N, C-alpha and C. Protein backbone atom coordinates (compact mmCIF):
# COMPACT_ATOMS: atom_id res chain seq x y z
N UNK A 1 144.78 76.20 200.25
CA UNK A 1 144.51 75.60 199.01
C UNK A 1 144.91 73.97 199.27
N UNK A 2 143.48 73.08 199.06
CA UNK A 2 144.00 71.82 199.34
C UNK A 2 144.21 70.89 197.83
N UNK A 3 144.85 69.46 198.38
CA UNK A 3 145.20 68.96 196.79
C UNK A 3 143.97 68.80 195.88
N UNK A 4 142.76 68.74 196.68
CA UNK A 4 141.64 68.41 195.67
C UNK A 4 141.01 69.73 195.13
N UNK A 5 141.60 71.26 195.65
CA UNK A 5 141.57 72.37 194.92
C UNK A 5 142.19 72.75 193.60
N UNK A 6 143.58 71.86 193.64
CA UNK A 6 144.31 72.16 192.61
C UNK A 6 144.03 71.12 191.10
N UNK A 7 144.51 71.66 189.89
CA UNK A 7 144.28 71.12 188.98
C UNK A 7 145.39 70.01 188.85
N UNK A 8 145.46 68.71 188.48
CA UNK A 8 146.02 67.48 188.34
C UNK A 8 146.14 67.71 186.52
N UNK A 9 147.09 67.37 186.26
CA UNK A 9 147.21 67.20 184.49
C UNK A 9 148.54 65.78 184.64
N UNK A 10 147.61 65.33 183.49
CA UNK A 10 148.11 63.55 183.41
C UNK A 10 148.31 63.61 182.11
N UNK A 11 149.64 63.24 181.46
CA UNK A 11 149.98 63.32 180.17
C UNK A 11 149.84 61.60 179.55
N UNK A 12 149.20 61.21 178.68
CA UNK A 12 149.23 60.12 178.02
C UNK A 12 149.65 59.96 176.80
N UNK A 13 150.70 59.67 176.66
CA UNK A 13 151.58 59.09 175.38
C UNK A 13 151.16 57.65 174.57
N UNK A 14 150.48 57.93 173.41
CA UNK A 14 150.07 56.66 172.86
C UNK A 14 150.81 56.42 171.83
N UNK A 15 151.72 55.73 171.30
CA UNK A 15 152.62 55.25 170.21
C UNK A 15 152.24 53.76 169.42
N UNK A 16 152.74 53.54 168.49
CA UNK A 16 152.59 52.28 167.87
C UNK A 16 153.49 51.14 168.66
N UNK A 17 153.06 49.78 169.07
CA UNK A 17 154.07 49.05 169.19
C UNK A 17 155.00 48.78 167.95
N UNK A 18 156.22 47.96 168.07
CA UNK A 18 157.02 47.96 167.28
C UNK A 18 156.42 46.65 166.36
N UNK A 19 156.61 46.99 165.20
CA UNK A 19 156.08 45.98 164.23
C UNK A 19 154.68 46.09 163.68
N UNK A 20 153.94 47.29 164.35
CA UNK A 20 153.02 47.82 163.64
C UNK A 20 153.23 48.80 162.32
N UNK A 21 152.25 48.68 161.65
CA UNK A 21 152.81 49.58 160.43
C UNK A 21 152.68 50.94 160.79
N UNK A 22 153.59 51.85 160.42
CA UNK A 22 153.27 53.41 160.82
C UNK A 22 153.40 54.04 159.72
N UNK A 23 152.53 54.08 158.60
CA UNK A 23 152.43 54.78 157.12
C UNK A 23 152.60 56.53 157.33
N UNK A 24 152.19 56.97 158.30
CA UNK A 24 152.70 58.45 158.54
C UNK A 24 154.04 58.57 158.77
N UNK A 25 154.48 57.70 159.60
CA UNK A 25 155.98 58.06 159.94
C UNK A 25 156.71 57.64 158.44
N UNK A 26 156.40 56.74 157.76
CA UNK A 26 157.43 56.15 156.76
C UNK A 26 157.41 57.24 155.52
N UNK A 27 155.86 58.01 155.46
CA UNK A 27 155.85 58.99 154.53
C UNK A 27 156.86 60.62 154.95
N UNK A 28 156.64 60.54 156.24
CA UNK A 28 157.53 61.60 156.85
C UNK A 28 158.94 61.61 156.66
N UNK A 29 159.73 60.01 156.90
CA UNK A 29 160.68 60.04 157.03
C UNK A 29 161.48 59.91 155.33
N UNK A 30 160.23 59.74 154.42
CA UNK A 30 160.91 59.48 152.88
C UNK A 30 160.80 61.15 152.63
N UNK A 31 159.83 61.87 153.08
CA UNK A 31 159.98 63.30 152.81
C UNK A 31 161.04 64.07 153.29
N UNK A 32 161.45 63.65 154.46
CA UNK A 32 162.68 64.29 155.16
C UNK A 32 163.91 64.00 154.17
N UNK A 33 163.79 63.06 153.45
CA UNK A 33 165.22 62.79 152.54
C UNK A 33 165.23 63.50 151.36
N UNK A 34 164.02 63.27 150.94
CA UNK A 34 163.87 64.06 149.52
C UNK A 34 163.96 65.82 149.65
N UNK A 35 163.90 66.22 151.24
CA UNK A 35 164.02 67.74 151.38
C UNK A 35 165.53 67.73 151.87
N UNK A 36 166.28 66.91 152.01
CA UNK A 36 167.59 66.75 152.04
C UNK A 36 168.20 66.84 153.42
N UNK A 37 167.03 66.74 154.58
CA UNK A 37 167.18 66.55 156.31
C UNK A 37 167.64 65.16 156.31
N UNK A 38 168.62 64.82 155.98
CA UNK A 38 169.42 63.12 156.32
C UNK A 38 170.39 63.38 156.65
N UNK A 39 170.85 62.44 157.67
CA UNK A 39 170.38 61.14 157.56
C UNK A 39 169.58 61.32 158.92
N UNK A 40 168.01 60.85 158.71
CA UNK A 40 166.97 60.25 159.36
C UNK A 40 166.99 59.01 159.68
N UNK A 41 167.40 58.16 161.05
CA UNK A 41 167.60 56.65 160.97
C UNK A 41 166.34 56.16 161.26
N UNK A 42 165.07 57.02 161.80
CA UNK A 42 164.00 56.30 161.99
C UNK A 42 163.05 57.43 162.38
N UNK A 43 161.92 57.54 162.00
CA UNK A 43 160.44 58.00 162.52
C UNK A 43 159.85 57.99 162.88
N UNK A 44 159.19 58.01 164.13
CA UNK A 44 157.75 57.21 164.48
C UNK A 44 156.55 58.27 165.29
N UNK A 45 155.62 57.99 165.11
CA UNK A 45 154.39 58.95 165.00
C UNK A 45 154.07 58.72 166.47
N UNK A 46 153.43 59.55 167.61
CA UNK A 46 152.93 59.30 168.52
C UNK A 46 151.52 60.09 168.84
N UNK A 47 150.48 59.92 169.62
CA UNK A 47 149.89 60.78 170.56
C UNK A 47 149.91 61.24 171.48
N UNK A 48 150.08 62.43 171.77
CA UNK A 48 149.80 62.86 173.32
C UNK A 48 148.61 63.61 173.85
N UNK A 49 148.18 63.18 174.81
CA UNK A 49 146.93 63.79 175.38
C UNK A 49 147.25 64.17 176.94
N UNK A 50 146.97 65.47 177.20
CA UNK A 50 147.06 65.77 178.58
C UNK A 50 145.52 66.11 179.12
N UNK A 51 145.38 65.43 180.17
CA UNK A 51 144.02 65.24 180.78
C UNK A 51 144.33 66.08 181.97
N UNK A 52 143.24 67.26 182.36
CA UNK A 52 143.33 67.92 183.55
C UNK A 52 142.12 67.69 184.47
N UNK A 53 142.45 67.34 185.60
CA UNK A 53 141.53 67.06 186.52
C UNK A 53 141.56 68.02 187.84
N UNK A 54 140.01 68.05 188.25
CA UNK A 54 139.84 68.88 189.32
C UNK A 54 138.92 68.23 190.26
N UNK A 55 139.51 68.37 191.36
CA UNK A 55 138.63 68.00 192.63
C UNK A 55 138.81 66.56 193.03
N UNK A 56 140.00 65.97 192.34
CA UNK A 56 140.35 64.82 192.79
C UNK A 56 141.76 64.66 193.39
N UNK A 57 141.99 63.66 194.05
CA UNK A 57 143.35 63.71 194.47
C UNK A 57 144.31 62.85 193.27
N UNK A 58 145.74 62.54 193.17
CA UNK A 58 146.77 62.38 192.35
C UNK A 58 146.24 60.65 191.78
N UNK A 59 146.05 59.78 192.82
CA UNK A 59 145.86 58.62 192.48
C UNK A 59 144.40 58.16 191.83
N UNK A 60 143.27 59.37 192.41
CA UNK A 60 142.23 59.17 191.35
C UNK A 60 142.61 59.55 190.07
N UNK A 61 143.25 60.60 190.00
CA UNK A 61 143.27 60.94 188.57
C UNK A 61 144.19 60.24 187.71
N UNK A 62 145.11 59.59 188.30
CA UNK A 62 145.84 58.47 187.73
C UNK A 62 144.78 57.30 186.91
N UNK A 63 144.03 57.09 187.95
CA UNK A 63 143.00 55.86 187.63
C UNK A 63 142.03 56.25 186.62
N UNK A 64 141.62 57.68 186.80
CA UNK A 64 140.78 58.07 185.76
C UNK A 64 141.35 58.03 184.24
N UNK A 65 142.49 58.75 184.33
CA UNK A 65 143.58 58.61 183.15
C UNK A 65 143.61 57.03 182.50
N UNK A 66 143.91 56.45 183.24
CA UNK A 66 144.23 54.49 182.77
C UNK A 66 142.87 54.36 182.35
N UNK A 67 141.63 54.66 182.93
CA UNK A 67 140.37 54.09 182.49
C UNK A 67 140.10 54.86 181.38
N UNK A 68 140.90 56.01 180.93
CA UNK A 68 140.32 56.77 179.57
C UNK A 68 141.23 56.16 178.65
N UNK A 69 142.56 55.54 178.51
CA UNK A 69 143.26 54.53 178.12
C UNK A 69 142.50 53.37 177.49
N UNK A 70 142.02 52.97 178.63
CA UNK A 70 141.62 51.51 178.28
C UNK A 70 140.25 51.67 177.40
N UNK A 71 139.18 52.40 177.55
CA UNK A 71 138.03 52.55 177.35
C UNK A 71 138.18 53.07 176.06
N UNK A 72 139.14 54.68 175.52
CA UNK A 72 139.00 55.01 174.82
C UNK A 72 140.22 55.44 173.76
N UNK A 73 141.06 55.89 174.39
CA UNK A 73 142.52 56.28 173.71
C UNK A 73 143.48 55.40 173.02
N UNK A 74 143.50 54.31 173.47
CA UNK A 74 144.21 53.22 172.53
C UNK A 74 143.55 51.82 172.72
N UNK A 75 144.48 50.95 171.72
CA UNK A 75 144.11 49.84 171.54
C UNK A 75 144.98 48.83 171.82
N UNK A 76 144.67 48.03 172.98
CA UNK A 76 146.24 47.38 173.48
C UNK A 76 147.05 46.30 172.87
N UNK A 77 146.01 45.86 171.48
CA UNK A 77 147.03 45.12 170.69
C UNK A 77 147.79 45.75 169.79
N UNK A 78 147.62 47.10 169.37
CA UNK A 78 148.63 47.94 168.67
C UNK A 78 149.50 48.81 169.58
N UNK A 79 148.69 49.47 170.51
CA UNK A 79 149.57 50.68 170.91
C UNK A 79 150.20 50.38 172.30
N UNK A 80 151.29 51.17 172.61
CA UNK A 80 152.18 51.17 173.63
C UNK A 80 151.62 52.39 174.14
N UNK A 81 151.66 52.43 175.48
CA UNK A 81 151.15 53.97 176.56
C UNK A 81 151.63 54.06 177.70
N UNK A 82 152.07 55.47 177.78
CA UNK A 82 152.68 55.87 179.13
C UNK A 82 151.79 56.77 179.82
N UNK A 83 151.68 56.80 180.93
CA UNK A 83 150.90 57.75 182.04
C UNK A 83 151.61 58.36 182.65
N UNK A 84 152.36 59.65 182.90
CA UNK A 84 153.11 60.54 183.27
C UNK A 84 152.04 61.70 183.75
N UNK A 85 152.26 61.67 185.34
CA UNK A 85 152.01 63.03 185.90
C UNK A 85 152.77 64.10 185.79
N UNK A 86 151.99 65.14 185.23
CA UNK A 86 152.87 66.37 184.96
C UNK A 86 152.64 67.52 186.03
N UNK A 87 154.13 67.91 186.35
CA UNK A 87 154.14 68.96 187.66
C UNK A 87 153.94 70.15 187.20
N UNK A 88 153.58 71.01 187.70
CA UNK A 88 153.30 72.58 187.50
C UNK A 88 154.23 73.30 188.44
């Protein structure tokens, strides 16, 4: 079985940049305190996408994942993004 026959999975993690308000995280942080789950110094949120590609090599899968980030998954003004190949 060649590389092009294998499924290639890429993880895309999208987080808010420092200084961007994260009301969901603020609510969770406050709620944790009210539940007695403390001290929690900081809570932040992130979205994680796992993109699975077939019939392409790793460099093409990476390029397609980055295109998805640029065109759909993140706003470069407010988001910090990491793209990581997943090893199976």
